[in-house]
């Protein structure tokens, strides 16, 4: 466990376990590196070096007031990979973390990177625009900010209890432990980072970043994702990538790295070994 200081003086917390080829995990909004527990434990036991950081303003990293945008997220990730002098790394990003990985590769290049995987990820663009008519209306994300500002704790109970893990679907058994862990991680972070982060994950256009990426990228997405709808995300990203592979999971929710960890881990391992 350690911290690095990013270019603007922000302290970024990270975990670094094991040895071997490095896998770097970028978590979703508004969580922390703890959300990767099921992956970190699995891959370190498979002989990989696993690294996961808390995004600025999230988890145990500095609760700074500024820099909550994809360029800063990507620069923080670049600072971490440089500090650890990683080479031949595999980058895995979930949700907002998928955007972070894509912007990192688009902005900093792939000289340190062998492969990447983006899971339930926000690229190419979440918000509805003239150029992205299948996106979600901006009012949806404005509503997220309103709920966060009004009662962040309540908002952070409702999201995992319902659409994030698909616990609102008929026949799906809810898990109070998973809900509480989501709430715990989220409440560790800063309200300002989370408020600004809603704009970052919803309004950033990753189209040009995706076009630049040459390394193999596995695009993993559930077709019952209620947070990042499938049709306007994964298939479009896979088409924009030069070397992208789309893997669709029937009925899987947004939080599938947790609810379906065995399946996701096995498919990631096969991709790493291919």
C-alpha atoms as a PDB file:
ATOM      1  CA  UNK A   1       0.000   0.000   0.000  1.00  0.00           C
ATOM      2  CA  UNK A   2       1.325   3.441  -0.834  1.00  0.00           C
ATOM      3  CA  UNK A   3       0.660   6.847  -2.299  1.00  0.00           C
ATOM      4  CA  UNK A   4       2.097   8.796  -5.170  1.00  0.00           C
ATOM      5  CA  UNK A   5       1.894  12.517  -5.809  1.00  0.00           C
ATOM      6  CA  UNK A   6       0.350  13.429  -9.135  1.00  0.00           C
ATOM      7  CA  UNK A   7       1.494  16.322 -11.309  1.00  0.00           C
ATOM      8  CA  UNK A   8      -0.670  18.875  -9.494  1.00  0.00           C
ATOM      9  CA  UNK A   9       0.237  17.663  -5.998  1.00  0.00           C
ATOM     10  CA  UNK A  10      -2.744  15.343  -5.458  1.00  0.00           C
ATOM     11  CA  UNK A  11      -2.019  12.271  -3.341  1.00  0.00           C
ATOM     12  CA  UNK A  12      -3.190   9.087  -5.066  1.00  0.00           C
ATOM     13  CA  UNK A  13      -3.555   5.935  -2.954  1.00  0.00           C
ATOM     14  CA  UNK A  14      -2.784   2.569  -4.530  1.00  0.00           C
ATOM     15  CA  UNK A  15      -2.415  -1.146  -3.806  1.00  0.00           C
ATOM     16  CA  UNK A  16       0.385  -3.162  -5.386  1.00  0.00           C
ATOM     17  CA  UNK A  17       0.386  -6.900  -4.749  1.00  0.00           C
ATOM     18  CA  UNK A  18       2.338  -9.809  -6.174  1.00  0.00           C
ATOM     19  CA  UNK A  19       4.784 -10.100  -9.048  1.00  0.00           C
ATOM     20  CA  UNK A  20       4.681 -10.976 -12.718  1.00  0.00           C
ATOM     21  CA  UNK A  21       2.967  -9.169 -15.572  1.00  0.00           C
ATOM     22  CA  UNK A  22       1.177  -6.132 -14.121  1.00  0.00           C
ATOM     23  CA  UNK A  23      -2.594  -5.664 -14.338  1.00  0.00           C
ATOM     24  CA  UNK A  24      -3.766  -2.154 -13.472  1.00  0.00           C
ATOM     25  CA  UNK A  25      -7.409  -1.764 -12.414  1.00  0.00           C
ATOM     26  CA  UNK A  26      -9.383   1.499 -12.699  1.00  0.00           C
ATOM     27  CA  UNK A  27     -12.604   1.544 -10.662  1.00  0.00           C
ATOM     28  CA  UNK A  28     -16.040   2.989 -11.334  1.00  0.00           C
ATOM     29  CA  UNK A  29     -17.799   6.060  -9.929  1.00  0.00           C
ATOM     30  CA  UNK A  30     -18.104   6.782  -6.981  1.00  0.00           C
ATOM     31  CA  UNK A  31     -16.230   3.768  -5.587  1.00  0.00           C
ATOM     32  CA  UNK A  32     -12.615   2.901  -4.774  1.00  0.00           C
ATOM     33  CA  UNK A  33     -10.004   0.278  -5.542  1.00  0.00           C
ATOM     34  CA  UNK A  34     -11.816  -1.965  -3.020  1.00  0.00           C
ATOM     35  CA  UNK A  35     -14.430  -2.599  -5.696  1.00  0.00           C
ATOM     36  CA  UNK A  36     -11.861  -4.815  -7.430  1.00  0.00           C
ATOM     37  CA  UNK A  37     -11.434  -7.227  -4.475  1.00  0.00           C
ATOM     38  CA  UNK A  38     -12.715 -10.237  -6.415  1.00  0.00           C
ATOM     39  CA  UNK A  39     -10.348  -9.519  -9.304  1.00  0.00           C
ATOM     40  CA  UNK A  40      -7.284  -8.582  -7.238  1.00  0.00           C
ATOM     41  CA  UNK A  41      -7.451 -11.768  -5.186  1.00  0.00           C
ATOM     42  CA  UNK A  42      -8.059 -13.964  -8.228  1.00  0.00           C
ATOM     43  CA  UNK A  43      -5.309 -12.572 -10.446  1.00  0.00           C
ATOM     44  CA  UNK A  44      -2.621 -12.336  -7.766  1.00  0.00           C
ATOM     45  CA  UNK A  45      -3.239 -16.046  -7.175  1.00  0.00           C
ATOM     46  CA  UNK A  46      -2.806 -16.623 -10.918  1.00  0.00           C
ATOM     47  CA  UNK A  47       0.711 -15.201 -10.775  1.00  0.00           C
ATOM     48  CA  UNK A  48       0.063 -11.626 -11.857  1.00  0.00           C
ATOM     49  CA  UNK A  49       1.096  -8.376 -10.217  1.00  0.00           C
ATOM     50  CA  UNK A  50      -2.119  -6.503  -9.432  1.00  0.00           C
ATOM     51  CA  UNK A  51      -2.316  -2.747  -8.953  1.00  0.00           C
ATOM     52  CA  UNK A  52      -5.389  -0.679  -8.158  1.00  0.00           C
ATOM     53  CA  UNK A  53      -5.647   2.974  -7.177  1.00  0.00           C
ATOM     54  CA  UNK A  54      -8.306   5.221  -5.688  1.00  0.00           C
ATOM     55  CA  UNK A  55      -9.216   7.947  -8.164  1.00  0.00           C
ATOM     56  CA  UNK A  56      -8.590  11.508  -6.970  1.00  0.00           C
ATOM     57  CA  UNK A  57     -11.320  12.531  -4.540  1.00  0.00           C
ATOM     58  CA  UNK A  58     -12.360   8.881  -4.092  1.00  0.00           C
ATOM     59  CA  UNK A  59     -11.527   6.351  -1.389  1.00  0.00           C
ATOM     60  CA  UNK A  60      -8.269   7.150   0.398  1.00  0.00           C
ATOM     61  CA  UNK A  61      -6.860   9.599  -2.154  1.00  0.00           C
ATOM     62  CA  UNK A  62      -6.822  13.352  -1.529  1.00  0.00           C
ATOM     63  CA  UNK A  63     -10.271  14.962  -1.449  1.00  0.00           C
ATOM     64  CA  UNK A  64      -9.182  17.818  -3.684  1.00  0.00           C
ATOM     65  CA  UNK A  65     -11.669  20.356  -5.006  1.00  0.00           C
ATOM     66  CA  UNK A  66     -10.420  20.474  -8.586  1.00  0.00           C
ATOM     67  CA  UNK A  67      -9.326  18.220 -11.416  1.00  0.00           C
ATOM     68  CA  UNK A  68     -12.325  15.923 -11.516  1.00  0.00           C
ATOM     69  CA  UNK A  69     -12.253  15.353 -15.265  1.00  0.00           C
ATOM     70  CA  UNK A  70     -10.997  12.647 -17.594  1.00  0.00           C
ATOM     71  CA  UNK A  71      -7.765  14.428 -18.501  1.00  0.00           C
ATOM     72  CA  UNK A  72      -6.738  14.631 -14.838  1.00  0.00           C
ATOM     73  CA  UNK A  73      -7.852  11.034 -14.226  1.00  0.00           C
ATOM     74  CA  UNK A  74      -5.701   9.890 -17.159  1.00  0.00           C
ATOM     75  CA  UNK A  75      -2.741  11.984 -16.008  1.00  0.00           C
ATOM     76  CA  UNK A  76      -2.984  10.529 -12.489  1.00  0.00           C
ATOM     77  CA  UNK A  77      -2.966   7.034 -13.987  1.00  0.00           C
ATOM     78  CA  UNK A  78       0.051   7.944 -16.103  1.00  0.00           C
ATOM     79  CA  UNK A  79       1.835   9.262 -13.012  1.00  0.00           C
ATOM     80  CA  UNK A  80       1.163   5.972 -11.229  1.00  0.00           C
ATOM     81  CA  UNK A  81       2.437   3.824 -14.104  1.00  0.00           C
ATOM     82  CA  UNK A  82       5.545   5.992 -14.399  1.00  0.00           C
ATOM     83  CA  UNK A  83       6.223   5.888 -10.645  1.00  0.00           C
ATOM     84  CA  UNK A  84       5.998   2.089 -10.678  1.00  0.00           C
ATOM     85  CA  UNK A  85       7.858   1.963 -14.035  1.00  0.00           C
ATOM     86  CA  UNK A  86       5.332  -0.504 -15.434  1.00  0.00           C
ATOM     87  CA  UNK A  87       5.900  -2.161 -18.799  1.00  0.00           C
ATOM     88  CA  UNK A  88       3.850  -4.742 -20.706  1.00  0.00           C
ATOM     89  CA  UNK A  89       0.898  -3.825 -18.474  1.00  0.00           C
ATOM     90  CA  UNK A  90      -2.725  -4.804 -18.935  1.00  0.00           C
ATOM     91  CA  UNK A  91      -5.203  -2.048 -18.057  1.00  0.00           C
ATOM     92  CA  UNK A  92      -8.701  -2.989 -16.929  1.00  0.00           C
ATOM     93  CA  UNK A  93     -11.369  -0.359 -16.338  1.00  0.00           C
ATOM     94  CA  UNK A  94     -14.950  -0.665 -15.104  1.00  0.00           C
ATOM     95  CA  UNK A  95     -17.585   1.946 -15.963  1.00  0.00           C
ATOM     96  CA  UNK A  96     -15.972   5.379 -15.405  1.00  0.00           C
ATOM     97  CA  UNK A  97     -12.687   3.509 -15.044  1.00  0.00           C
ATOM     98  CA  UNK A  98     -13.150   2.259 -18.592  1.00  0.00           C
ATOM     99  CA  UNK A  99     -13.264   5.870 -19.697  1.00  0.00           C
ATOM    100  CA  UNK A 100     -10.154   6.568 -17.660  1.00  0.00           C
ATOM    101  CA  UNK A 101      -8.283   3.733 -19.400  1.00  0.00           C
ATOM    102  CA  UNK A 102      -9.406   4.862 -22.858  1.00  0.00           C
ATOM    103  CA  UNK A 103      -8.412   8.497 -22.199  1.00  0.00           C
ATOM    104  CA  UNK A 104      -5.076   7.342 -20.713  1.00  0.00           C
ATOM    105  CA  UNK A 105      -4.267   5.366 -23.865  1.00  0.00           C
ATOM    106  CA  UNK A 106      -5.476   8.136 -26.139  1.00  0.00           C
ATOM    107  CA  UNK A 107      -3.604  10.853 -24.240  1.00  0.00           C
ATOM    108  CA  UNK A 108      -0.412   9.073 -23.165  1.00  0.00           C
ATOM    109  CA  UNK A 109      -0.013   6.290 -25.700  1.00  0.00           C
ATOM    110  CA  UNK A 110       0.562   2.579 -25.239  1.00  0.00           C
ATOM    111  CA  UNK A 111       4.340   2.351 -24.813  1.00  0.00           C
ATOM    112  CA  UNK A 112       3.853   0.764 -21.374  1.00  0.00           C
ATOM    113  CA  UNK A 113       0.732  -1.228 -22.304  1.00  0.00           C
ATOM    114  CA  UNK A 114       0.238  -4.710 -23.796  1.00  0.00           C
ATOM    115  CA  UNK A 115      -3.564  -4.999 -23.714  1.00  0.00           C
ATOM    116  CA  UNK A 116      -6.652  -3.434 -22.180  1.00  0.00           C
ATOM    117  CA  UNK A 117     -10.153  -4.455 -21.177  1.00  0.00           C
ATOM    118  CA  UNK A 118     -13.102  -2.146 -20.566  1.00  0.00           C
ATOM    119  CA  UNK A 119     -16.066  -3.510 -18.626  1.00  0.00           C
ATOM    120  CA  UNK A 120     -19.541  -1.910 -18.560  1.00  0.00           C
ATOM    121  CA  UNK A 121     -17.667   1.174 -19.679  1.00  0.00           C
ATOM    122  CA  UNK A 122     -18.937   4.689 -20.443  1.00  0.00           C
ATOM    123  CA  UNK A 123     -17.270   5.271 -23.872  1.00  0.00           C
ATOM    124  CA  UNK A 124     -17.831   6.441 -26.511  1.00  0.00           C
ATOM    125  CA  UNK A 125     -20.267   9.029 -25.008  1.00  0.00           C
ATOM    126  CA  UNK A 126     -23.134   8.645 -22.563  1.00  0.00           C
ATOM    127  CA  UNK A 127     -25.101  11.868 -22.953  1.00  0.00           C
ATOM    128  CA  UNK A 128     -27.533  12.404 -25.806  1.00  0.00           C
ATOM    129  CA  UNK A 129     -26.383  14.904 -28.441  1.00  0.00           C
ATOM    130  CA  UNK A 130     -27.143  15.521 -32.107  1.00  0.00           C
ATOM    131  CA  UNK A 131     -24.157  13.337 -32.965  1.00  0.00           C
ATOM    132  CA  UNK A 132     -25.128  10.742 -30.329  1.00  0.00           C
ATOM    133  CA  UNK A 133     -28.921  10.428 -30.579  1.00  0.00           C
ATOM    134  CA  UNK A 134     -28.982   7.116 -28.697  1.00  0.00           C
ATOM    135  CA  UNK A 135     -27.492   8.630 -25.550  1.00  0.00           C
ATOM    136  CA  UNK A 136     -29.271   9.401 -22.294  1.00  0.00           C
ATOM    137  CA  UNK A 137     -30.804  12.887 -21.862  1.00  0.00           C
ATOM    138  CA  UNK A 138     -28.672  15.336 -19.895  1.00  0.00           C
ATOM    139  CA  UNK A 139     -31.567  15.652 -17.435  1.00  0.00           C
ATOM    140  CA  UNK A 140     -30.824  12.110 -16.207  1.00  0.00           C
ATOM    141  CA  UNK A 141     -27.357  13.154 -15.050  1.00  0.00           C
ATOM    142  CA  UNK A 142     -28.591  16.495 -13.710  1.00  0.00           C
ATOM    143  CA  UNK A 143     -30.939  14.401 -11.577  1.00  0.00           C
ATOM    144  CA  UNK A 144     -28.003  12.384 -10.254  1.00  0.00           C
ATOM    145  CA  UNK A 145     -26.309  15.603  -9.152  1.00  0.00           C
ATOM    146  CA  UNK A 146     -29.494  16.868  -7.517  1.00  0.00           C
ATOM    147  CA  UNK A 147     -29.930  13.632  -5.547  1.00  0.00           C
ATOM    148  CA  UNK A 148     -26.277  13.581  -4.526  1.00  0.00           C
ATOM    149  CA  UNK A 149     -26.402  17.159  -3.269  1.00  0.00           C
ATOM    150  CA  UNK A 150     -29.682  16.603  -1.411  1.00  0.00           C
ATOM    151  CA  UNK A 151     -28.761  13.387   0.437  1.00  0.00           C
ATOM    152  CA  UNK A 152     -25.657  11.582  -0.712  1.00  0.00           C
ATOM    153  CA  UNK A 153     -26.040   8.729   1.773  1.00  0.00           C
ATOM    154  CA  UNK A 154     -29.601   8.002   0.646  1.00  0.00           C
ATOM    155  CA  UNK A 155     -28.620   8.182  -3.033  1.00  0.00           C
ATOM    156  CA  UNK A 156     -25.755   5.763  -2.374  1.00  0.00           C
ATOM    157  CA  UNK A 157     -28.142   3.250  -0.830  1.00  0.00           C
ATOM    158  CA  UNK A 158     -30.663   3.410  -3.649  1.00  0.00           C
ATOM    159  CA  UNK A 159     -28.271   2.946  -6.595  1.00  0.00           C
ATOM    160  CA  UNK A 160     -26.777  -0.386  -5.517  1.00  0.00           C
ATOM    161  CA  UNK A 161     -30.116  -1.587  -4.121  1.00  0.00           C
ATOM    162  CA  UNK A 162     -31.650  -1.225  -7.570  1.00  0.00           C
ATOM    163  CA  UNK A 163     -30.187  -0.675 -11.028  1.00  0.00           C
ATOM    164  CA  UNK A 164     -26.419  -0.928 -10.411  1.00  0.00           C
ATOM    165  CA  UNK A 165     -26.469  -4.662  -9.667  1.00  0.00           C
ATOM    166  CA  UNK A 166     -29.841  -5.440 -11.214  1.00  0.00           C
ATOM    167  CA  UNK A 167     -31.342  -6.171  -7.800  1.00  0.00           C
ATOM    168  CA  UNK A 168     -34.535  -4.484  -9.035  1.00  0.00           C
ATOM    169  CA  UNK A 169     -35.084  -7.217 -11.642  1.00  0.00           C
ATOM    170  CA  UNK A 170     -37.684  -9.946 -11.012  1.00  0.00           C
ATOM    171  CA  UNK A 171     -36.167 -13.105  -9.632  1.00  0.00           C
ATOM    172  CA  UNK A 172     -32.796 -11.547  -8.794  1.00  0.00           C
ATOM    173  CA  UNK A 173     -31.748 -12.125  -5.194  1.00  0.00           C
ATOM    174  CA  UNK A 174     -30.512  -8.936  -3.544  1.00  0.00           C
ATOM    175  CA  UNK A 175     -27.375  -8.919  -1.388  1.00  0.00           C
ATOM    176  CA  UNK A 176     -27.353  -6.564   1.582  1.00  0.00           C
ATOM    177  CA  UNK A 177     -23.600  -7.113   2.016  1.00  0.00           C
ATOM    178  CA  UNK A 178     -22.884  -5.956  -1.553  1.00  0.00           C
ATOM    179  CA  UNK A 179     -25.167  -2.938  -1.105  1.00  0.00           C
ATOM    180  CA  UNK A 180     -23.483  -1.954   2.162  1.00  0.00           C
ATOM    181  CA  UNK A 181     -20.011  -2.342   0.657  1.00  0.00           C
ATOM    182  CA  UNK A 182     -20.984  -0.077  -2.261  1.00  0.00           C
ATOM    183  CA  UNK A 183     -22.307   2.513   0.216  1.00  0.00           C
ATOM    184  CA  UNK A 184     -19.166   2.220   2.370  1.00  0.00           C
ATOM    185  CA  UNK A 185     -16.803   2.792  -0.535  1.00  0.00           C
ATOM    186  CA  UNK A 186     -18.820   5.704  -1.869  1.00  0.00           C
ATOM    187  CA  UNK A 187     -19.125   7.528   1.450  1.00  0.00           C
ATOM    188  CA  UNK A 188     -15.339   7.367   1.880  1.00  0.00           C
ATOM    189  CA  UNK A 189     -14.944   9.713  -1.089  1.00  0.00           C
ATOM    190  CA  UNK A 190     -15.577  13.423  -1.368  1.00  0.00           C
ATOM    191  CA  UNK A 191     -18.915  14.919  -2.384  1.00  0.00           C
ATOM    192  CA  UNK A 192     -17.254  17.483  -4.688  1.00  0.00           C
ATOM    193  CA  UNK A 193     -15.310  14.813  -6.585  1.00  0.00           C
ATOM    194  CA  UNK A 194     -18.429  12.705  -6.977  1.00  0.00           C
ATOM    195  CA  UNK A 195     -20.594  15.663  -8.031  1.00  0.00           C
ATOM    196  CA  UNK A 196     -18.113  16.791 -10.683  1.00  0.00           C
ATOM    197  CA  UNK A 197     -17.444  13.200 -11.688  1.00  0.00           C
ATOM    198  CA  UNK A 198     -21.010  12.835 -12.958  1.00  0.00           C
ATOM    199  CA  UNK A 199     -20.220  15.407 -15.643  1.00  0.00           C
ATOM    200  CA  UNK A 200     -16.881  13.717 -16.391  1.00  0.00           C
ATOM    201  CA  UNK A 201     -18.332  10.271 -16.984  1.00  0.00           C
ATOM    202  CA  UNK A 202     -21.457  11.405 -18.834  1.00  0.00           C
ATOM    203  CA  UNK A 203     -20.289  14.267 -21.045  1.00  0.00           C
ATOM    204  CA  UNK A 204     -16.770  13.224 -22.097  1.00  0.00           C
ATOM    205  CA  UNK A 205     -16.562  12.133 -25.725  1.00  0.00           C
ATOM    206  CA  UNK A 206     -14.019   9.318 -26.121  1.00  0.00           C
ATOM    207  CA  UNK A 207     -14.467   8.814 -29.861  1.00  0.00           C
ATOM    208  CA  UNK A 208     -11.055  10.142 -30.901  1.00  0.00           C
ATOM    209  CA  UNK A 209      -9.311   8.303 -28.042  1.00  0.00           C
ATOM    210  CA  UNK A 210     -10.814   4.998 -29.137  1.00  0.00           C
ATOM    211  CA  UNK A 211      -9.671   5.540 -32.724  1.00  0.00           C
ATOM    212  CA  UNK A 212      -6.056   6.062 -31.599  1.00  0.00           C
ATOM    213  CA  UNK A 213      -5.731   2.825 -29.617  1.00  0.00           C
ATOM    214  CA  UNK A 214      -3.800   0.062 -31.381  1.00  0.00           C
ATOM    215  CA  UNK A 215      -3.325  -2.542 -28.617  1.00  0.00           C
ATOM    216  CA  UNK A 216      -5.898  -5.361 -28.280  1.00  0.00           C
ATOM    217  CA  UNK A 217      -8.926  -4.270 -26.250  1.00  0.00           C
ATOM    218  CA  UNK A 218     -11.619  -6.588 -24.878  1.00  0.00           C
ATOM    219  CA  UNK A 219     -14.959  -4.773 -24.600  1.00  0.00           C
ATOM    220  CA  UNK A 220     -17.159  -6.564 -22.023  1.00  0.00           C
ATOM    221  CA  UNK A 221     -20.737  -5.463 -21.374  1.00  0.00           C
ATOM    222  CA  UNK A 222     -23.981  -6.885 -20.055  1.00  0.00           C
ATOM    223  CA  UNK A 223     -27.032  -6.378 -22.235  1.00  0.00           C
ATOM    224  CA  UNK A 224     -29.168  -5.618 -19.153  1.00  0.00           C
ATOM    225  CA  UNK A 225     -26.925  -2.755 -17.989  1.00  0.00           C
ATOM    226  CA  UNK A 226     -29.277  -0.136 -16.499  1.00  0.00           C
ATOM    227  CA  UNK A 227     -26.506   2.393 -15.770  1.00  0.00           C
ATOM    228  CA  UNK A 228     -24.573   2.442 -19.060  1.00  0.00           C
ATOM    229  CA  UNK A 229     -27.078   1.137 -21.628  1.00  0.00           C
ATOM    230  CA  UNK A 230     -25.548  -1.490 -23.884  1.00  0.00           C
ATOM    231  CA  UNK A 231     -26.625  -0.336 -27.354  1.00  0.00           C
ATOM    232  CA  UNK A 232     -25.016   3.103 -27.102  1.00  0.00           C
ATOM    233  CA  UNK A 233     -21.748   1.955 -25.535  1.00  0.00           C
ATOM    234  CA  UNK A 234     -19.970  -1.363 -26.053  1.00  0.00           C
ATOM    235  CA  UNK A 235     -20.847  -2.111 -29.710  1.00  0.00           C
ATOM    236  CA  UNK A 236     -19.939   1.447 -30.721  1.00  0.00           C
ATOM    237  CA  UNK A 237     -16.634   1.344 -28.830  1.00  0.00           C
ATOM    238  CA  UNK A 238     -15.703  -1.998 -30.370  1.00  0.00           C
ATOM    239  CA  UNK A 239     -16.277  -0.590 -33.874  1.00  0.00           C
ATOM    240  CA  UNK A 240     -14.120   2.478 -33.207  1.00  0.00           C
ATOM    241  CA  UNK A 241     -11.186   0.476 -31.833  1.00  0.00           C
ATOM    242  CA  UNK A 242      -8.548  -0.729 -34.299  1.00  0.00           C
ATOM    243  CA  UNK A 243      -8.165  -4.048 -32.452  1.00  0.00           C
ATOM    244  CA  UNK A 244     -11.304  -4.404 -30.367  1.00  0.00           C
ATOM    245  CA  UNK A 245     -13.255  -7.531 -29.451  1.00  0.00           C
ATOM    246  CA  UNK A 246     -16.834  -7.274 -28.186  1.00  0.00           C
ATOM    247  CA  UNK A 247     -18.072  -9.790 -25.614  1.00  0.00           C
ATOM    248  CA  UNK A 248     -21.726  -9.457 -24.664  1.00  0.00           C
ATOM    249  CA  UNK A 249     -23.225 -11.004 -21.516  1.00  0.00           C
ATOM    250  CA  UNK A 250     -26.900 -11.832 -21.716  1.00  0.00           C
ATOM    251  CA  UNK A 251     -28.835 -10.508 -18.730  1.00  0.00           C
ATOM    252  CA  UNK A 252     -25.765  -9.287 -16.831  1.00  0.00           C
ATOM    253  CA  UNK A 253     -26.028  -5.992 -14.873  1.00  0.00           C
ATOM    254  CA  UNK A 254     -23.697  -3.002 -14.718  1.00  0.00           C
ATOM    255  CA  UNK A 255     -21.899  -4.306 -11.637  1.00  0.00           C
ATOM    256  CA  UNK A 256     -21.122  -7.682 -13.193  1.00  0.00           C
ATOM    257  CA  UNK A 257     -17.473  -7.825 -11.990  1.00  0.00           C
ATOM    258  CA  UNK A 258     -18.986  -8.287  -8.518  1.00  0.00           C
ATOM    259  CA  UNK A 259     -22.202 -10.214  -9.188  1.00  0.00           C
ATOM    260  CA  UNK A 260     -20.649 -12.489 -11.829  1.00  0.00           C
ATOM    261  CA  UNK A 261     -17.007 -12.397 -10.769  1.00  0.00           C
ATOM    262  CA  UNK A 262     -16.267 -16.018 -11.712  1.00  0.00           C
ATOM    263  CA  UNK A 263     -17.395 -15.489 -15.305  1.00  0.00           C
ATOM    264  CA  UNK A 264     -15.683 -12.124 -15.726  1.00  0.00           C
ATOM    265  CA  UNK A 265     -12.427 -13.325 -14.162  1.00  0.00           C
ATOM    266  CA  UNK A 266     -12.297 -16.427 -16.348  1.00  0.00           C
ATOM    267  CA  UNK A 267     -12.861 -14.415 -19.523  1.00  0.00           C
ATOM    268  CA  UNK A 268     -10.268 -11.807 -18.522  1.00  0.00           C
ATOM    269  CA  UNK A 269      -7.757 -14.562 -17.791  1.00  0.00           C
ATOM    270  CA  UNK A 270      -8.370 -16.151 -21.193  1.00  0.00           C
ATOM    271  CA  UNK A 271      -7.877 -12.745 -22.838  1.00  0.00           C
ATOM    272  CA  UNK A 272      -4.616 -12.161 -20.958  1.00  0.00           C
ATOM    273  CA  UNK A 273      -3.306 -15.556 -21.996  1.00  0.00           C
ATOM    274  CA  UNK A 274      -4.361 -15.282 -25.633  1.00  0.00           C
END
